[in-house]
Amino acid sequence: IFSIVSEHIGFSVWSLWSVLVLFMGPEYGIDPAGKFLLTAVPAA
């Protein structure tokens, strides 16, 4: 039970950038290729 709790939060932190890139509009100056790189780096 408590292994699941900790691992669940770990996965959420690991996956943060799958969400954060959706917040990054033109004001961040990042093209789609740059966003895919931001999501690839945590996975690596």
PDB file of all heavy atoms in Angstrom:
ATOM      1  N   ILE A   1       0.830  -1.208   0.000  1.00  0.00           N
ATOM      2  CA  ILE A   1       0.000   0.000   0.000  1.00  0.00           C
ATOM      3  C   ILE A   1       0.863   1.256   0.000  1.00  0.00           C
ATOM      4  O   ILE A   1       0.663   2.178  -0.815  1.00  0.00           O
ATOM      5  CB  ILE A   1      -0.940   0.000   1.222  1.00  0.00           C
ATOM      6  CG1 ILE A   1      -2.029  -1.068   1.048  1.00  0.00           C
ATOM      7  CG2 ILE A   1      -1.576   1.376   1.416  1.00  0.00           C
ATOM      8  CD1 ILE A   1      -2.842  -1.308   2.307  1.00  0.00           C
ATOM      9  N   PHE A   2       1.844   1.304   0.884  1.00  0.00           N
ATOM     10  CA  PHE A   2       2.616   2.539   1.003  1.00  0.00           C
ATOM     11  C   PHE A   2       3.727   2.637  -0.041  1.00  0.00           C
ATOM     12  O   PHE A   2       4.212   3.727  -0.339  1.00  0.00           O
ATOM     13  CB  PHE A   2       3.138   2.680   2.431  1.00  0.00           C
ATOM     14  CG  PHE A   2       2.014   2.905   3.402  1.00  0.00           C
ATOM     15  CD1 PHE A   2       1.523   1.859   4.170  1.00  0.00           C
ATOM     16  CD2 PHE A   2       1.402   4.135   3.477  1.00  0.00           C
ATOM     17  CE1 PHE A   2       0.455   2.057   5.030  1.00  0.00           C
ATOM     18  CE2 PHE A   2       0.328   4.343   4.336  1.00  0.00           C
ATOM     19  CZ  PHE A   2      -0.149   3.303   5.114  1.00  0.00           C
ATOM     20  N   SER A   3       4.087   1.501  -0.629  1.00  0.00           N
ATOM     21  CA  SER A   3       4.946   1.543  -1.809  1.00  0.00           C
ATOM     22  C   SER A   3       4.212   2.208  -2.966  1.00  0.00           C
ATOM     23  O   SER A   3       4.776   3.035  -3.691  1.00  0.00           O
ATOM     24  CB  SER A   3       5.376   0.123  -2.188  1.00  0.00           C
ATOM     25  OG  SER A   3       6.050   0.124  -3.434  1.00  0.00           O
ATOM     26  N   ILE A   4       2.935   1.859  -3.131  1.00  0.00           N
ATOM     27  CA  ILE A   4       2.125   2.452  -4.191  1.00  0.00           C
ATOM     28  C   ILE A   4       2.002   3.958  -4.007  1.00  0.00           C
ATOM     29  O   ILE A   4       2.097   4.733  -4.968  1.00  0.00           O
ATOM     30  CB  ILE A   4       0.735   1.788  -4.244  1.00  0.00           C
ATOM     31  CG1 ILE A   4       0.847   0.358  -4.764  1.00  0.00           C
ATOM     32  CG2 ILE A   4      -0.226   2.589  -5.116  1.00  0.00           C
ATOM     33  CD1 ILE A   4      -0.448  -0.429  -4.689  1.00  0.00           C
ATOM     34  N   VAL A   5       1.794   4.390  -2.756  1.00  0.00           N
ATOM     35  CA  VAL A   5       1.657   5.826  -2.484  1.00  0.00           C
ATOM     36  C   VAL A   5       2.898   6.579  -2.955  1.00  0.00           C
ATOM     37  O   VAL A   5       2.813   7.582  -3.680  1.00  0.00           O
ATOM     38  CB  VAL A   5       1.423   6.063  -0.979  1.00  0.00           C
ATOM     39  CG1 VAL A   5       1.525   7.556  -0.652  1.00  0.00           C
ATOM     40  CG2 VAL A   5       0.060   5.525  -0.562  1.00  0.00           C
ATOM     41  N   SER A   6       4.069   6.104  -2.553  1.00  0.00           N
ATOM     42  CA  SER A   6       5.304   6.792  -2.911  1.00  0.00           C
ATOM     43  C   SER A   6       5.574   6.728  -4.409  1.00  0.00           C
ATOM     44  O   SER A   6       5.959   7.726  -5.033  1.00  0.00           O
ATOM     45  CB  SER A   6       6.480   6.182  -2.136  1.00  0.00           C
ATOM     46  OG  SER A   6       7.689   6.813  -2.467  1.00  0.00           O
ATOM     47  N   GLU A   7       5.360   5.548  -4.987  1.00  0.00           N
ATOM     48  CA  GLU A   7       5.614   5.403  -6.421  1.00  0.00           C
ATOM     49  C   GLU A   7       4.653   6.251  -7.241  1.00  0.00           C
ATOM     50  O   GLU A   7       5.033   6.817  -8.281  1.00  0.00           O
ATOM     51  CB  GLU A   7       5.488   3.928  -6.812  1.00  0.00           C
ATOM     52  CG  GLU A   7       5.883   3.640  -8.238  1.00  0.00           C
ATOM     53  CD  GLU A   7       5.522   2.233  -8.660  1.00  0.00           C
ATOM     54  OE1 GLU A   7       5.210   1.397  -7.793  1.00  0.00           O
ATOM     55  OE2 GLU A   7       5.549   1.975  -9.879  1.00  0.00           O
ATOM     56  N   HIS A   8       3.408   6.340  -6.794  1.00  0.00           N
ATOM     57  CA  HIS A   8       2.408   7.158  -7.482  1.00  0.00           C
ATOM     58  C   HIS A   8       2.873   8.617  -7.583  1.00  0.00           C
ATOM     59  O   HIS A   8       2.820   9.225  -8.658  1.00  0.00           O
ATOM     60  CB  HIS A   8       1.084   7.074  -6.720  1.00  0.00           C
ATOM     61  CG  HIS A   8       0.032   8.012  -7.222  1.00  0.00           C
ATOM     62  ND1 HIS A   8      -0.888   7.646  -8.182  1.00  0.00           N
ATOM     63  CD2 HIS A   8      -0.241   9.303  -6.918  1.00  0.00           C
ATOM     64  CE1 HIS A   8      -1.682   8.659  -8.443  1.00  0.00           C
ATOM     65  NE2 HIS A   8      -1.313   9.686  -7.681  1.00  0.00           N
ATOM     66  N   ILE A   9       3.331   9.157  -6.469  1.00  0.00           N
ATOM     67  CA  ILE A   9       3.790  10.552  -6.470  1.00  0.00           C
ATOM     68  C   ILE A   9       5.056  10.695  -7.309  1.00  0.00           C
ATOM     69  O   ILE A   9       5.246  11.699  -8.005  1.00  0.00           O
ATOM     70  CB  ILE A   9       3.999  11.037  -5.027  1.00  0.00           C
ATOM     71  CG1 ILE A   9       2.652  11.029  -4.289  1.00  0.00           C
ATOM     72  CG2 ILE A   9       4.605  12.435  -5.004  1.00  0.00           C
ATOM     73  CD1 ILE A   9       2.763  11.301  -2.817  1.00  0.00           C
ATOM     74  N   GLY A  10       5.923   9.677  -7.277  1.00  0.00           N
ATOM     75  CA  GLY A  10       7.112   9.704  -8.126  1.00  0.00           C
ATOM     76  C   GLY A  10       6.755   9.779  -9.596  1.00  0.00           C
ATOM     77  O   GLY A  10       7.354  10.553 -10.363  1.00  0.00           O
ATOM     78  N   PHE A  11       5.768   8.978 -10.027  1.00  0.00           N
ATOM     79  CA  PHE A  11       5.333   9.031 -11.420  1.00  0.00           C
ATOM     80  C   PHE A  11       4.762  10.400 -11.769  1.00  0.00           C
ATOM     81  O   PHE A  11       4.967  10.909 -12.876  1.00  0.00           O
ATOM     82  CB  PHE A  11       4.284   7.941 -11.685  1.00  0.00           C
ATOM     83  CG  PHE A  11       4.841   6.721 -12.364  1.00  0.00           C
ATOM     84  CD1 PHE A  11       5.231   5.628 -11.620  1.00  0.00           C
ATOM     85  CD2 PHE A  11       4.972   6.666 -13.731  1.00  0.00           C
ATOM     86  CE1 PHE A  11       5.748   4.498 -12.225  1.00  0.00           C
ATOM     87  CE2 PHE A  11       5.484   5.538 -14.357  1.00  0.00           C
ATOM     88  CZ  PHE A  11       5.867   4.452 -13.605  1.00  0.00           C
ATOM     89  N   SER A  12       4.026  10.998 -10.839  1.00  0.00           N
ATOM     90  CA  SER A  12       3.452  12.320 -11.107  1.00  0.00           C
ATOM     91  C   SER A  12       4.536  13.355 -11.319  1.00  0.00           C
ATOM     92  O   SER A  12       4.468  14.173 -12.250  1.00  0.00           O
ATOM     93  CB  SER A  12       2.544  12.736  -9.943  1.00  0.00           C
ATOM     94  OG  SER A  12       1.376  11.936  -9.889  1.00  0.00           O
ATOM     95  N   VAL A  13       5.556  13.343 -10.460  1.00  0.00           N
ATOM     96  CA  VAL A  13       6.654  14.292 -10.615  1.00  0.00           C
ATOM     97  C   VAL A  13       7.400  14.027 -11.917  1.00  0.00           C
ATOM     98  O   VAL A  13       7.786  14.957 -12.639  1.00  0.00           O
ATOM     99  CB  VAL A  13       7.598  14.215  -9.401  1.00  0.00           C
ATOM    100  CG1 VAL A  13       8.854  15.046  -9.629  1.00  0.00           C
ATOM    101  CG2 VAL A  13       6.873  14.686  -8.136  1.00  0.00           C
ATOM    102  N   TRP A  14       7.607  12.756 -12.239  1.00  0.00           N
ATOM    103  CA  TRP A  14       8.289  12.388 -13.482  1.00  0.00           C
ATOM    104  C   TRP A  14       7.518  12.899 -14.696  1.00  0.00           C
ATOM    105  O   TRP A  14       8.106  13.283 -15.711  1.00  0.00           O
ATOM    106  CB  TRP A  14       8.436  10.874 -13.528  1.00  0.00           C
ATOM    107  CG  TRP A  14       9.369  10.353 -14.569  1.00  0.00           C
ATOM    108  CD1 TRP A  14      10.455  10.974 -15.116  1.00  0.00           C
ATOM    109  CD2 TRP A  14       9.319   9.056 -15.180  1.00  0.00           C
ATOM    110  NE1 TRP A  14      11.087  10.158 -16.021  1.00  0.00           N
ATOM    111  CE2 TRP A  14      10.405   8.976 -16.075  1.00  0.00           C
ATOM    112  CE3 TRP A  14       8.471   7.967 -15.035  1.00  0.00           C
ATOM    113  CZ2 TRP A  14      10.656   7.835 -16.840  1.00  0.00           C
ATOM    114  CZ3 TRP A  14       8.720   6.831 -15.789  1.00  0.00           C
ATOM    115  CH2 TRP A  14       9.804   6.768 -16.688  1.00  0.00           C
ATOM    116  N   SER A  15       6.185  12.898 -14.592  1.00  0.00           N
ATOM    117  CA  SER A  15       5.331  13.253 -15.727  1.00  0.00           C
ATOM    118  C   SER A  15       4.962  14.729 -15.765  1.00  0.00           C
ATOM    119  O   SER A  15       4.155  15.137 -16.609  1.00  0.00           O
ATOM    120  CB  SER A  15       4.033  12.420 -15.673  1.00  0.00           C
ATOM    121  OG  SER A  15       4.301  11.044 -15.562  1.00  0.00           O
ATOM    122  N   LEU A  16       5.497  15.532 -14.863  1.00  0.00           N
ATOM    123  CA  LEU A  16       5.103  16.938 -14.787  1.00  0.00           C
ATOM    124  C   LEU A  16       5.212  17.661 -16.118  1.00  0.00           C
ATOM    125  O   LEU A  16       4.354  18.487 -16.467  1.00  0.00           O
ATOM    126  CB  LEU A  16       5.961  17.659 -13.744  1.00  0.00           C
ATOM    127  CG  LEU A  16       5.492  17.588 -12.293  1.00  0.00           C
ATOM    128  CD1 LEU A  16       6.571  18.108 -11.349  1.00  0.00           C
ATOM    129  CD2 LEU A  16       4.194  18.369 -12.112  1.00  0.00           C
ATOM    130  N   TRP A  17       6.254  17.336 -16.893  1.00  0.00           N
ATOM    131  CA  TRP A  17       6.464  18.105 -18.118  1.00  0.00           C
ATOM    132  C   TRP A  17       5.486  17.764 -19.228  1.00  0.00           C
ATOM    133  O   TRP A  17       5.301  18.548 -20.155  1.00  0.00           O
ATOM    134  CB  TRP A  17       7.910  17.957 -18.592  1.00  0.00           C
ATOM    135  CG  TRP A  17       8.789  18.774 -17.717  1.00  0.00           C
ATOM    136  CD1 TRP A  17       9.461  18.369 -16.604  1.00  0.00           C
ATOM    137  CD2 TRP A  17       9.025  20.181 -17.823  1.00  0.00           C
ATOM    138  NE1 TRP A  17      10.106  19.429 -16.013  1.00  0.00           N
ATOM    139  CE2 TRP A  17       9.858  20.554 -16.743  1.00  0.00           C
ATOM    140  CE3 TRP A  17       8.625  21.157 -18.728  1.00  0.00           C
ATOM    141  CZ2 TRP A  17      10.286  21.852 -16.546  1.00  0.00           C
ATOM    142  CZ3 TRP A  17       9.051  22.459 -18.542  1.00  0.00           C
ATOM    143  CH2 TRP A  17       9.876  22.798 -17.468  1.00  0.00           C
ATOM    144  N   SER A  18       4.810  16.616 -19.122  1.00  0.00           N
ATOM    145  CA  SER A  18       3.740  16.337 -20.081  1.00  0.00           C
ATOM    146  C   SER A  18       2.594  17.319 -19.903  1.00  0.00           C
ATOM    147  O   SER A  18       1.815  17.555 -20.834  1.00  0.00           O
ATOM    148  CB  SER A  18       3.228  14.897 -19.892  1.00  0.00           C
ATOM    149  OG  SER A  18       2.519  14.749 -18.668  1.00  0.00           O
ATOM    150  N   VAL A  19       2.480  17.882 -18.712  1.00  0.00           N
ATOM    151  CA  VAL A  19       1.459  18.890 -18.408  1.00  0.00           C
ATOM    152  C   VAL A  19       1.995  20.301 -18.619  1.00  0.00           C
ATOM    153  O   VAL A  19       1.336  21.158 -19.215  1.00  0.00           O
ATOM    154  CB  VAL A  19       0.970  18.729 -16.947  1.00  0.00           C
ATOM    155  CG1 VAL A  19      -0.006  19.831 -16.586  1.00  0.00           C
ATOM    156  CG2 VAL A  19       0.349  17.366 -16.738  1.00  0.00           C
ATOM    157  N   LEU A  20       3.192  20.544 -18.121  1.00  0.00           N
ATOM    158  CA  LEU A  20       3.720  21.911 -18.128  1.00  0.00           C
ATOM    159  C   LEU A  20       3.880  22.466 -19.539  1.00  0.00           C
ATOM    160  O   LEU A  20       3.724  23.680 -19.758  1.00  0.00           O
ATOM    161  CB  LEU A  20       5.054  21.951 -17.384  1.00  0.00           C
ATOM    162  CG  LEU A  20       4.969  21.613 -15.884  1.00  0.00           C
ATOM    163  CD1 LEU A  20       6.358  21.598 -15.255  1.00  0.00           C
ATOM    164  CD2 LEU A  20       4.061  22.601 -15.158  1.00  0.00           C
ATOM    165  N   VAL A  21       4.211  21.602 -20.519  1.00  0.00           N
ATOM    166  CA  VAL A  21       4.369  22.117 -21.887  1.00  0.00           C
ATOM    167  C   VAL A  21       3.050  22.653 -22.436  1.00  0.00           C
ATOM    168  O   VAL A  21       3.050  23.507 -23.336  1.00  0.00           O
ATOM    169  CB  VAL A  21       4.939  21.035 -22.833  1.00  0.00           C
ATOM    170  CG1 VAL A  21       6.370  20.686 -22.461  1.00  0.00           C
ATOM    171  CG2 VAL A  21       4.064  19.785 -22.851  1.00  0.00           C
ATOM    172  N   LEU A  22       1.911  22.174 -21.901  1.00  0.00           N
ATOM    173  CA  LEU A  22       0.620  22.684 -22.356  1.00  0.00           C
ATOM    174  C   LEU A  22       0.397  24.120 -21.885  1.00  0.00           C
ATOM    175  O   LEU A  22      -0.409  24.849 -22.458  1.00  0.00           O
ATOM    176  CB  LEU A  22      -0.516  21.786 -21.850  1.00  0.00           C
ATOM    177  CG  LEU A  22      -0.486  20.318 -22.302  1.00  0.00           C
ATOM    178  CD1 LEU A  22      -1.671  19.569 -21.712  1.00  0.00           C
ATOM    179  CD2 LEU A  22      -0.516  20.228 -23.833  1.00  0.00           C
ATOM    180  N   PHE A  23       1.089  24.530 -20.828  1.00  0.00           N
ATOM    181  CA  PHE A  23       0.966  25.886 -20.307  1.00  0.00           C
ATOM    182  C   PHE A  23       1.827  26.882 -21.092  1.00  0.00           C
ATOM    183  O   PHE A  23       1.644  28.092 -20.942  1.00  0.00           O
ATOM    184  CB  PHE A  23       1.418  25.932 -18.841  1.00  0.00           C
ATOM    185  CG  PHE A  23       0.435  25.345 -17.859  1.00  0.00           C
ATOM    186  CD1 PHE A  23       0.336  23.983 -17.683  1.00  0.00           C
ATOM    187  CD2 PHE A  23      -0.375  26.172 -17.099  1.00  0.00           C
ATOM    188  CE1 PHE A  23      -0.550  23.448 -16.765  1.00  0.00           C
ATOM    189  CE2 PHE A  23      -1.270  25.651 -16.174  1.00  0.00           C
ATOM    190  CZ  PHE A  23      -1.370  24.278 -16.016  1.00  0.00           C
ATOM    191  N   MET A  24       2.764  26.380 -21.871  1.00  0.00           N
ATOM    192  CA  MET A  24       3.786  27.246 -22.447  1.00  0.00           C
ATOM    193  C   MET A  24       3.368  27.746 -23.819  1.00  0.00           C
ATOM    194  O   MET A  24       3.605  27.112 -24.844  1.00  0.00           O
ATOM    195  CB  MET A  24       5.122  26.497 -22.508  1.00  0.00           C
ATOM    196  CG  MET A  24       5.635  26.165 -21.123  1.00  0.00           C
ATOM    197  SD  MET A  24       7.174  25.251 -21.115  1.00  0.00           S
ATOM    198  CE  MET A  24       7.466  25.183 -19.330  1.00  0.00           C
ATOM    199  N   GLY A  25       2.735  28.906 -23.808  1.00  0.00           N
ATOM    200  CA  GLY A  25       2.279  29.534 -25.038  1.00  0.00           C
ATOM    201  C   GLY A  25       3.392  30.299 -25.728  1.00  0.00           C
ATOM    202  O   GLY A  25       4.579  30.144 -25.410  1.00  0.00           O
ATOM    203  N   PRO A  26       3.032  31.171 -26.682  1.00  0.00           N
ATOM    204  CA  PRO A  26       4.034  31.918 -27.467  1.00  0.00           C
ATOM    205  C   PRO A  26       4.983  32.753 -26.600  1.00  0.00           C
ATOM    206  O   PRO A  26       6.125  33.008 -26.998  1.00  0.00           O
ATOM    207  CB  PRO A  26       3.178  32.814 -28.357  1.00  0.00           C
ATOM    208  CG  PRO A  26       1.865  32.117 -28.458  1.00  0.00           C
ATOM    209  CD  PRO A  26       1.660  31.439 -27.141  1.00  0.00           C
ATOM    210  N   GLU A  27       4.514  33.183 -25.420  1.00  0.00           N
ATOM    211  CA  GLU A  27       5.356  34.032 -24.577  1.00  0.00           C
ATOM    212  C   GLU A  27       6.598  33.317 -24.066  1.00  0.00           C
ATOM    213  O   GLU A  27       7.559  33.959 -23.632  1.00  0.00           O
ATOM    214  CB  GLU A  27       4.548  34.567 -23.390  1.00  0.00           C
ATOM    215  CG  GLU A  27       4.081  33.533 -22.393  1.00  0.00           C
ATOM    216  CD  GLU A  27       2.739  32.909 -22.767  1.00  0.00           C
ATOM    217  OE1 GLU A  27       2.340  33.017 -23.954  1.00  0.00           O
ATOM    218  OE2 GLU A  27       2.103  32.307 -21.883  1.00  0.00           O
ATOM    219  N   TYR A  28       6.611  31.989 -24.130  1.00  0.00           N
ATOM    220  CA  TYR A  28       7.791  31.231 -23.707  1.00  0.00           C
ATOM    221  C   TYR A  28       8.793  31.049 -24.845  1.00  0.00           C
ATOM    222  O   TYR A  28       9.939  30.670 -24.612  1.00  0.00           O
ATOM    223  CB  TYR A  28       7.380  29.858 -23.167  1.00  0.00           C
ATOM    224  CG  TYR A  28       6.782  29.918 -21.780  1.00  0.00           C
ATOM    225  CD1 TYR A  28       5.434  30.187 -21.599  1.00  0.00           C
ATOM    226  CD2 TYR A  28       7.558  29.689 -20.646  1.00  0.00           C
ATOM    227  CE1 TYR A  28       4.867  30.241 -20.329  1.00  0.00           C
ATOM    228  CE2 TYR A  28       7.010  29.740 -19.373  1.00  0.00           C
ATOM    229  CZ  TYR A  28       5.659  30.018 -19.229  1.00  0.00           C
ATOM    230  OH  TYR A  28       5.120  30.081 -17.959  1.00  0.00           O
ATOM    231  N   GLY A  29       8.355  31.272 -26.090  1.00  0.00           N
ATOM    232  CA  GLY A  29       9.255  31.193 -27.234  1.00  0.00           C
ATOM    233  C   GLY A  29       9.791  29.801 -27.524  1.00  0.00           C
ATOM    234  O   GLY A  29      10.927  29.650 -27.968  1.00  0.00           O
ATOM    235  N   ILE A  30       8.983  28.753 -27.305  1.00  0.00           N
ATOM    236  CA  ILE A  30       9.425  27.374 -27.513  1.00  0.00           C
ATOM    237  C   ILE A  30       8.579  26.747 -28.614  1.00  0.00           C
ATOM    238  O   ILE A  30       7.338  26.745 -28.528  1.00  0.00           O
ATOM    239  CB  ILE A  30       9.294  26.537 -26.223  1.00  0.00           C
ATOM    240  CG1 ILE A  30      10.021  27.222 -25.066  1.00  0.00           C
ATOM    241  CG2 ILE A  30       9.846  25.139 -26.426  1.00  0.00           C
ATOM    242  CD1 ILE A  30       9.778  26.563 -23.724  1.00  0.00           C
ATOM    243  N   ASP A  31       9.227  26.210 -29.654  1.00  0.00           N
ATOM    244  CA  ASP A  31       8.497  25.573 -30.738  1.00  0.00           C
ATOM    245  C   ASP A  31       8.146  24.131 -30.348  1.00  0.00           C
ATOM    246  O   ASP A  31       8.595  23.614 -29.314  1.00  0.00           O
ATOM    247  CB  ASP A  31       9.307  25.609 -32.031  1.00  0.00           C
ATOM    248  CG  ASP A  31      10.625  24.851 -31.930  1.00  0.00           C
ATOM    249  OD1 ASP A  31      10.843  24.118 -30.942  1.00  0.00           O
ATOM    250  OD2 ASP A  31      11.454  24.993 -32.847  1.00  0.00           O
ATOM    251  N   PRO A  32       7.302  23.437 -31.149  1.00  0.00           N
ATOM    252  CA  PRO A  32       6.909  22.068 -30.809  1.00  0.00           C
ATOM    253  C   PRO A  32       8.089  21.113 -30.639  1.00  0.00           C
ATOM    254  O   PRO A  32       8.073  20.252 -29.746  1.00  0.00           O
ATOM    255  CB  PRO A  32       6.032  21.663 -31.999  1.00  0.00           C
ATOM    256  CG  PRO A  32       5.435  22.950 -32.485  1.00  0.00           C
ATOM    257  CD  PRO A  32       6.528  23.966 -32.299  1.00  0.00           C
ATOM    258  N   ALA A  33       9.124  21.263 -31.470  1.00  0.00           N
ATOM    259  CA  ALA A  33      10.287  20.385 -31.328  1.00  0.00           C
ATOM    260  C   ALA A  33      10.949  20.581 -29.970  1.00  0.00           C
ATOM    261  O   ALA A  33      11.380  19.612 -29.316  1.00  0.00           O
ATOM    262  CB  ALA A  33      11.287  20.658 -32.452  1.00  0.00           C
ATOM    263  N   GLY A  34      11.024  21.828 -29.524  1.00  0.00           N
ATOM    264  CA  GLY A  34      11.604  22.102 -28.216  1.00  0.00           C
ATOM    265  C   GLY A  34      10.776  21.515 -27.092  1.00  0.00           C
ATOM    266  O   GLY A  34      11.317  21.056 -26.073  1.00  0.00           O
ATOM    267  N   LYS A  35       9.445  21.514 -27.249  1.00  0.00           N
ATOM    268  CA  LYS A  35       8.578  20.937 -26.222  1.00  0.00           C
ATOM    269  C   LYS A  35       8.725  19.417 -26.165  1.00  0.00           C
ATOM    270  O   LYS A  35       8.731  18.830 -25.076  1.00  0.00           O
ATOM    271  CB  LYS A  35       7.123  21.331 -26.493  1.00  0.00           C
ATOM    272  CG  LYS A  35       6.849  22.810 -26.292  1.00  0.00           C
ATOM    273  CD  LYS A  35       5.384  23.139 -26.547  1.00  0.00           C
ATOM    274  CE  LYS A  35       5.114  24.627 -26.353  1.00  0.00           C
ATOM    275  NZ  LYS A  35       3.690  24.965 -26.594  1.00  0.00           N
ATOM    276  N   PHE A  36       8.827  18.770 -27.321  1.00  0.00           N
ATOM    277  CA  PHE A  36       9.049  17.317 -27.319  1.00  0.00           C
ATOM    278  C   PHE A  36      10.370  16.973 -26.627  1.00  0.00           C
ATOM    279  O   PHE A  36      10.483  15.949 -25.950  1.00  0.00           O
ATOM    280  CB  PHE A  36       9.040  16.757 -28.745  1.00  0.00           C
ATOM    281  CG  PHE A  36       7.670  16.467 -29.274  1.00  0.00           C
ATOM    282  CD1 PHE A  36       7.183  17.150 -30.379  1.00  0.00           C
ATOM    283  CD2 PHE A  36       6.862  15.517 -28.673  1.00  0.00           C
ATOM    284  CE1 PHE A  36       5.906  16.886 -30.876  1.00  0.00           C
ATOM    285  CE2 PHE A  36       5.584  15.243 -29.160  1.00  0.00           C
ATOM    286  CZ  PHE A  36       5.106  15.938 -30.260  1.00  0.00           C
ATOM    287  N   LEU A  37      11.358  17.833 -26.783  1.00  0.00           N
ATOM    288  CA  LEU A  37      12.638  17.593 -26.119  1.00  0.00           C
ATOM    289  C   LEU A  37      12.499  17.725 -24.600  1.00  0.00           C
ATOM    290  O   LEU A  37      13.098  16.963 -23.838  1.00  0.00           O
ATOM    291  CB  LEU A  37      13.685  18.583 -26.644  1.00  0.00           C
ATOM    292  CG  LEU A  37      15.161  18.190 -26.443  1.00  0.00           C
ATOM    293  CD1 LEU A  37      15.454  16.829 -27.052  1.00  0.00           C
ATOM    294  CD2 LEU A  37      16.059  19.261 -27.036  1.00  0.00           C
ATOM    295  N   LEU A  38      11.675  18.686 -24.155  1.00  0.00           N
ATOM    296  CA  LEU A  38      11.457  18.851 -22.721  1.00  0.00           C
ATOM    297  C   LEU A  38      10.755  17.644 -22.100  1.00  0.00           C
ATOM    298  O   LEU A  38      10.963  17.338 -20.926  1.00  0.00           O
ATOM    299  CB  LEU A  38      10.627  20.116 -22.453  1.00  0.00           C
ATOM    300  CG  LEU A  38      11.358  21.454 -22.584  1.00  0.00           C
ATOM    301  CD1 LEU A  38      10.369  22.606 -22.485  1.00  0.00           C
ATOM    302  CD2 LEU A  38      12.453  21.585 -21.528  1.00  0.00           C
ATOM    303  N   THR A  39       9.926  16.968 -22.865  1.00  0.00           N
ATOM    304  CA  THR A  39       9.274  15.769 -22.333  1.00  0.00           C
ATOM    305  C   THR A  39      10.151  14.529 -22.483  1.00  0.00           C
ATOM    306  O   THR A  39       9.986  13.562 -21.730  1.00  0.00           O
ATOM    307  CB  THR A  39       7.921  15.526 -23.028  1.00  0.00           C
ATOM    308  OG1 THR A  39       8.101  15.475 -24.449  1.00  0.00           O
ATOM    309  CG2 THR A  39       6.932  16.620 -22.684  1.00  0.00           C
ATOM    310  N   ALA A  40      11.084  14.559 -23.434  1.00  0.00           N
ATOM    311  CA  ALA A  40      11.972  13.405 -23.609  1.00  0.00           C
ATOM    312  C   ALA A  40      13.050  13.352 -22.537  1.00  0.00           C
ATOM    313  O   ALA A  40      13.456  12.268 -22.105  1.00  0.00           O
ATOM    314  CB  ALA A  40      12.616  13.446 -25.004  1.00  0.00           C
ATOM    315  N   VAL A  41      13.517  14.520 -22.090  1.00  0.00           N
ATOM    316  CA  VAL A  41      14.629  14.570 -21.138  1.00  0.00           C
ATOM    317  C   VAL A  41      14.296  13.889 -19.806  1.00  0.00           C
ATOM    318  O   VAL A  41      15.097  13.093 -19.301  1.00  0.00           O
ATOM    319  CB  VAL A  41      15.088  16.029 -20.935  1.00  0.00           C
ATOM    320  CG1 VAL A  41      15.986  16.150 -19.715  1.00  0.00           C
ATOM    321  CG2 VAL A  41      15.829  16.521 -22.167  1.00  0.00           C
ATOM    322  N   PRO A  42      13.148  14.152 -19.171  1.00  0.00           N
ATOM    323  CA  PRO A  42      12.852  13.431 -17.929  1.00  0.00           C
ATOM    324  C   PRO A  42      12.784  11.915 -18.125  1.00  0.00           C
ATOM    325  O   PRO A  42      13.216  11.157 -17.248  1.00  0.00           O
ATOM    326  CB  PRO A  42      11.485  13.984 -17.513  1.00  0.00           C
ATOM    327  CG  PRO A  42      11.359  15.280 -18.201  1.00  0.00           C
ATOM    328  CD  PRO A  42      12.098  15.132 -19.494  1.00  0.00           C
ATOM    329  N   ALA A  43      12.245  11.486 -19.270  1.00  0.00           N
ATOM    330  CA  ALA A  43      12.197  10.050 -19.535  1.00  0.00           C
ATOM    331  C   ALA A  43      13.595   9.462 -19.616  1.00  0.00           C
ATOM    332  O   ALA A  43      13.855   8.362 -19.098  1.00  0.00           O
ATOM    333  CB  ALA A  43      11.430   9.786 -20.834  1.00  0.00           C
ATOM    334  N   ALA A  44      14.524  10.195 -20.253  1.00  0.00           N
ATOM    335  CA  ALA A  44      15.894   9.698 -20.379  1.00  0.00           C
ATOM    336  C   ALA A  44      16.587   9.622 -19.024  1.00  0.00           C
ATOM    337  O   ALA A  44      17.205   8.607 -18.675  1.00  0.00           O
ATOM    338  CB  ALA A  44      16.686  10.607 -21.326  1.00  0.00           C
TER     339      ALA A  44
END
